[in-house]
Structures are given as C-alpha cells and as structure tokens.
Protein backbone atom coordinates (compact mmCIF):
# COMPACT_ATOMS: atom_id res chain seq x y z
CA MET A 1 -57.39 -36.79 -17.37
CA SER A 2 -55.03 -34.89 -19.41
CA GLN A 3 -53.27 -32.23 -17.92
CA ASP A 4 -54.33 -29.56 -20.40
CA GLN A 5 -58.13 -30.78 -20.81
CA PRO A 6 -60.89 -30.15 -17.94
CA LEU A 7 -62.64 -33.81 -16.22
CA SER A 8 -64.70 -35.17 -18.80
CA ALA A 9 -67.92 -37.59 -17.59
CA MET A 10 -70.28 -39.34 -19.99
CA VAL A 11 -73.94 -40.40 -18.04
CA VAL A 12 -74.45 -43.31 -19.89
CA VAL A 13 -78.22 -44.70 -19.72
CA ALA A 14 -79.78 -48.18 -20.84
CA GLY A 15 -82.18 -50.72 -20.39
CA SER A 16 -86.10 -51.47 -20.43
CA ASP A 17 -87.80 -51.70 -17.07
CA VAL A 18 -90.33 -48.95 -16.94
CA HIS A 19 -90.12 -47.88 -13.77
CA HIS A 20 -87.05 -45.86 -13.99
CA ASP A 21 -87.10 -42.58 -15.89
CA LEU A 22 -84.13 -43.32 -17.94
CA ILE A 23 -84.37 -39.99 -19.63
CA GLY A 24 -85.17 -37.96 -16.58
CA GLY A 25 -82.03 -39.81 -15.04
CA ALA A 26 -79.75 -38.91 -17.48
CA LEU A 27 -80.68 -34.48 -17.91
CA THR A 28 -80.71 -34.72 -13.88
CA LEU A 29 -77.33 -36.28 -13.81
CA GLN A 30 -75.72 -34.42 -16.63
CA SER A 31 -76.79 -31.42 -15.35
CA LEU A 32 -75.31 -32.12 -11.97
CA LEU A 33 -71.99 -32.94 -13.28
CA VAL A 34 -72.03 -30.23 -15.31
CA ASP A 35 -72.60 -28.19 -12.39
CA ALA A 36 -69.27 -29.33 -10.34
CA GLY A 37 -67.04 -27.90 -13.61
CA ILE A 38 -67.34 -31.31 -15.72
CA ARG A 39 -67.62 -31.76 -19.59
CA THR A 40 -70.53 -34.22 -19.71
CA ARG A 41 -72.30 -35.96 -22.60
CA ARG A 42 -75.19 -38.37 -22.88
CA ALA A 43 -75.11 -41.64 -24.53
CA VAL A 44 -77.42 -44.63 -24.68
CA GLY A 45 -76.43 -48.41 -25.09
CA LEU A 46 -73.58 -49.86 -23.07
CA GLU A 47 -72.14 -51.66 -26.67
CA ARG A 48 -70.44 -48.17 -26.88
CA PHE A 49 -67.20 -50.02 -24.55
CA VAL A 50 -66.56 -52.50 -27.14
CA ASN A 51 -64.02 -51.20 -29.60
CA PRO A 52 -64.78 -47.77 -28.15
CA LEU A 53 -65.50 -44.71 -30.19
CA PRO A 54 -63.10 -41.71 -29.95
CA ALA A 55 -66.02 -40.03 -27.97
CA THR A 56 -65.91 -43.45 -25.53
CA ALA A 57 -62.45 -44.16 -25.28
CA GLY A 58 -61.39 -40.57 -24.60
CA THR A 59 -63.95 -39.67 -21.52
CA ASP A 60 -62.66 -39.91 -18.02
CA VAL A 61 -65.44 -40.81 -16.07
CA PHE A 62 -68.24 -43.06 -17.03
CA VAL A 63 -71.50 -42.37 -14.87
CA LEU A 64 -74.15 -45.66 -15.53
CA TYR A 65 -77.88 -45.51 -15.04
CA THR A 66 -79.38 -48.14 -16.28
CA ALA A 67 -82.23 -50.34 -15.17
CA GLY A 68 -82.68 -53.75 -16.65
CA GLY A 69 -81.88 -55.17 -19.60
CA ALA A 70 -78.54 -57.92 -20.63
CA LEU A 71 -74.72 -56.59 -20.18
CA SER A 72 -73.06 -58.75 -22.97
CA GLY A 73 -69.66 -61.21 -21.47
CA ARG A 74 -67.99 -58.96 -24.14
CA GLU A 75 -69.40 -55.89 -22.76
CA GLN A 76 -68.57 -56.56 -19.52
CA GLU A 77 -65.20 -57.65 -20.10
CA SER A 78 -64.52 -54.14 -22.34
CA LEU A 79 -65.81 -51.79 -19.08
CA SER A 80 -63.93 -53.83 -16.63
CA ASP A 81 -60.94 -53.60 -19.02
CA LEU A 82 -61.54 -49.47 -19.54
CA VAL A 83 -62.19 -48.94 -15.96
CA ALA A 84 -58.90 -51.18 -14.92
CA ALA A 85 -56.68 -48.81 -17.31
CA GLY A 86 -57.64 -46.07 -15.45
CA LYS A 87 -61.08 -45.16 -16.25
CA GLY A 88 -63.67 -43.80 -13.21
CA VAL A 89 -67.21 -45.49 -13.36
CA VAL A 90 -69.95 -44.29 -10.84
CA ALA A 91 -72.91 -46.89 -10.70
CA VAL A 92 -76.17 -45.30 -9.52
CA HIS A 93 -79.55 -46.91 -8.13
CA ALA A 94 -80.27 -49.82 -10.72
CA SER A 95 -76.73 -49.58 -12.73
CA ILE A 96 -75.70 -52.99 -10.63
CA VAL A 97 -79.02 -55.10 -11.81
CA PHE A 98 -77.60 -56.80 -14.75
CA ALA A 99 -78.22 -59.92 -16.14
CA SER A 100 -76.34 -61.08 -18.71
CA ASP A 101 -77.71 -63.68 -20.97
CA GLY A 102 -81.17 -61.42 -20.05
CA THR A 103 -82.42 -64.11 -17.03
CA GLU A 104 -82.94 -62.54 -13.32
CA GLY A 105 -80.38 -64.11 -11.18
CA SER A 106 -77.20 -64.66 -14.43
CA PRO A 107 -73.79 -64.56 -13.22
CA ASP A 108 -71.96 -61.24 -13.62
CA ARG A 109 -68.60 -60.75 -14.43
CA THR A 110 -69.25 -56.67 -14.39
CA ARG A 111 -71.00 -56.58 -11.01
CA ALA A 112 -68.97 -59.42 -9.42
CA GLU A 113 -65.55 -58.07 -10.20
CA LEU A 114 -66.14 -54.16 -11.20
CA LEU A 115 -68.98 -52.75 -9.40
CA GLY A 116 -68.29 -55.14 -6.50
CA CYS A 117 -72.07 -55.82 -4.80
CA ARG A 118 -74.80 -57.31 -6.12
CA TYR A 119 -79.15 -56.58 -5.95
CA LEU A 120 -81.07 -58.80 -3.56
CA SER A 121 -84.28 -57.44 -3.11
CA HIS A 122 -85.56 -54.00 -1.75
CA GLY A 123 -85.25 -55.54 1.54
CA PRO A 124 -88.03 -56.60 4.50
CA ASP A 125 -89.71 -52.91 5.06
CA GLY A 126 -91.43 -52.57 1.60
CA VAL A 127 -90.23 -50.52 -1.70
CA SER A 128 -90.11 -46.82 -0.90
CA GLY A 129 -89.87 -45.07 1.75
CA ARG A 130 -88.57 -41.77 3.77
CA TYR A 131 -85.28 -42.91 5.27
CA LYS A 132 -82.14 -41.24 6.86
CA VAL A 133 -79.13 -41.61 5.00
CA GLN A 134 -75.83 -41.67 7.84
CA ILE A 135 -72.75 -40.53 6.65
CA LEU A 136 -70.38 -42.46 7.76
CA GLY A 137 -66.19 -41.22 8.28
CA GLN A 138 -64.22 -38.95 6.13
CA HIS A 139 -64.07 -39.10 2.39
CA PRO A 140 -63.83 -36.61 -0.45
CA ILE A 141 -67.07 -37.93 -1.77
CA THR A 142 -68.71 -37.06 1.36
CA GLU A 143 -67.32 -33.74 1.91
CA GLY A 144 -69.24 -31.08 3.51
CA VAL A 145 -72.30 -33.39 3.33
CA GLU A 146 -73.75 -34.36 6.96
CA ASP A 147 -76.55 -37.13 7.44
CA PHE A 148 -80.13 -36.63 5.28
CA ASP A 149 -83.47 -37.77 5.16
CA ILE A 150 -84.24 -38.57 1.83
CA ASP A 151 -87.69 -40.41 0.22
CA ASP A 152 -86.40 -42.92 -2.17
CA GLU A 153 -86.66 -46.95 -2.73
CA TYR A 154 -85.18 -49.29 -0.24
CA TYR A 155 -82.23 -51.82 -2.25
CA HIS A 156 -80.87 -54.33 -0.34
CA ILE A 157 -77.42 -55.17 -1.88
CA GLU A 158 -74.46 -57.95 -0.85
CA LEU A 159 -71.07 -56.38 -1.56
CA ILE A 160 -68.30 -59.01 -2.71
CA GLU A 161 -65.21 -58.71 -0.83
CA THR A 162 -65.63 -56.63 1.63
CA SER A 163 -62.37 -55.47 2.16
CA LYS A 164 -61.73 -54.57 -1.12
CA ALA A 165 -65.33 -52.02 -0.34
CA GLU A 166 -65.31 -48.76 1.48
CA VAL A 167 -68.56 -47.91 2.85
CA LEU A 168 -69.25 -44.45 3.08
CA ALA A 169 -73.03 -43.95 3.89
CA GLN A 170 -75.32 -46.35 5.37
CA ARG A 171 -79.10 -46.85 6.42
CA TRP A 172 -80.74 -48.61 8.94
CA SER A 173 -83.30 -51.45 7.91
CA SER A 174 -85.35 -53.68 10.26
CA ILE A 175 -82.67 -56.81 9.35
CA GLY A 176 -79.82 -53.83 10.55
CA ASP A 177 -77.65 -51.60 8.56
CA GLU A 178 -77.38 -51.66 4.94
CA PRO A 179 -74.60 -49.71 2.64
CA ILE A 180 -75.62 -47.20 0.15
CA LEU A 181 -72.76 -45.54 -1.00
CA TYR A 182 -69.30 -47.48 -1.41
CA VAL A 183 -65.95 -46.80 -3.31
CA ARG A 184 -63.10 -49.47 -4.63
CA GLN A 185 -60.36 -49.53 -6.43
CA HIS A 186 -60.42 -51.87 -9.92
CA GLY A 187 -57.00 -51.96 -11.35
CA GLU A 188 -56.09 -48.26 -11.97
CA GLY A 189 -59.36 -47.40 -11.65
CA ARG A 190 -62.08 -45.93 -9.53
CA VAL A 191 -65.36 -47.09 -8.73
CA CYS A 192 -68.50 -45.91 -6.58
CA TYR A 193 -71.76 -46.95 -5.73
CA LEU A 194 -74.68 -44.86 -4.99
CA SER A 195 -77.98 -47.20 -4.50
CA LEU A 196 -79.96 -43.95 -4.17
CA GLY A 197 -81.84 -42.00 -7.25
CA HIS A 198 -84.54 -43.72 -8.39
CA ASP A 199 -87.27 -40.81 -9.29
CA MET A 200 -87.11 -36.71 -8.70
CA ARG A 201 -88.02 -37.24 -5.55
CA ALA A 202 -84.05 -38.79 -5.03
CA TRP A 203 -83.03 -36.32 -7.81
CA GLY A 204 -83.92 -33.33 -6.23
CA ASN A 205 -82.67 -33.88 -2.57
CA PRO A 206 -79.63 -31.41 -1.88
CA GLY A 207 -77.67 -34.58 -0.48
CA PHE A 208 -78.23 -36.83 -3.16
CA ARG A 209 -76.87 -33.89 -5.60
CA SER A 210 -73.85 -32.93 -3.28
CA LEU A 211 -72.81 -36.88 -3.23
CA VAL A 212 -73.44 -37.58 -6.91
CA ARG A 213 -71.08 -34.08 -8.38
CA GLN A 214 -68.19 -35.13 -5.72
CA ALA A 215 -68.16 -38.44 -6.76
CA ALA A 216 -67.65 -38.05 -10.29
CA LEU A 217 -64.56 -35.69 -9.47
CA TRP A 218 -63.36 -38.46 -6.71
CA ALA A 219 -63.51 -41.26 -9.62
CA GLY A 220 -61.89 -38.62 -12.20
CA GLY A 221 -59.19 -37.88 -9.90
CA GLU A 222 -59.87 -34.63 -9.12
CA ARG A 223 -60.57 -35.38 -5.58
C-alpha cells in the first residue's frame, strides 16, 4: 500500500454455483470494507490476475467470494505470484472450492499453495444449521470479537501444511473441532480464509461482519 493512499481492496466474484448469491455477496462485502475505511471496488472473473490491468495491479487486498467454476493453471499462478509479491487475500466461504479443469477433485495449485486448505464436504452433521463460533487466542482479526452463534453452512476442510496456518476460530462438530478461520503467510503477502458467509443469515451476523472488516485490514498490513 502506498503511504499517501488509503488501503484499497477489490471484491472479486466468479463461478456458476446457483446455491450462492454472488451479486448479494459482492454488495455485502464491499459495504463492509467501505465501512472499515477501505477504498473498495467490485469485479467479476479470475482471469484479471493474468497480466493485470492497473485497477487490479494497484489493489492492496483481494477479497474472493467465488462459487464453482474452473481456475486455470495460469490464473492460479498469477494470483499466487501477486500475493507472494506483497498483496493480501481474504477468501470467504466457497472460495476454496476451485477445480482447475472444471472437475471436482482436480489438483489446484492456488488451494494447495496459496489458500492452504481444501474443501472436503459439509461434514457429518448436515448441510447447515446454527452453531457456535469459538474464538481462539488473540489476533488483530479477532480483536474485540467474542464467541458468537451463527446460522450458516457447515464446511469440513483440510488444512495443508498445518505448521504454516494459525487457526483463529473453530466450531465443534460430531467429529471434533473444525477450523473456521485461519491465517498464513505466502511469500511477502498475507492470506486469510473464513469459511463463514453462505447467505444473508451469515452476512448480517455482527461477528461475521467484524471478522471480515478486520481480516481485510490485517491482510493489507493495517492491523
């Protein structure tokens, strides 16, 4: 981020999964970031990371809300390189569910090397419900946020290279504690993943809203 310019962010949506409201998610996330004092724009499509135009190249933090669709190897590499060079990325909810050639279960470099986890399933307790988000320890993203209840989808994820991830929040399921929020470094850049955020039930939750705002500030180096 330039010292004489406020933090900038881009909410990037993409995908074809009809179970996620990309338009609603983009509008909500942009509003949250603007509330945090971040200059924010919306954009569609992950191809923008390849040979990025000035609007993308000049952005400090990318907030991803994607659902389905393919992410080509070139797009994965370009996004990874941008973050490694010092950009921040906050991936929300289904943004870890990429398939590099359009088929479920395909290898995905971004998920493995950048975001640091993979989506496995909704888990053994159904698709969605009300559960408690348990905040772990102290971190700038969770500052001032206490444990809270939320109505949202269940996500069962697998962390990759667990030694590089700091889990900041979790929930309990019938198979044990499930990570909900974590951070990691990727080169010179900062990465945050938050599994919450399926729809308006979650988007209107004060705990979710605080975590998103503070995650973007942290990813941009302002916390």
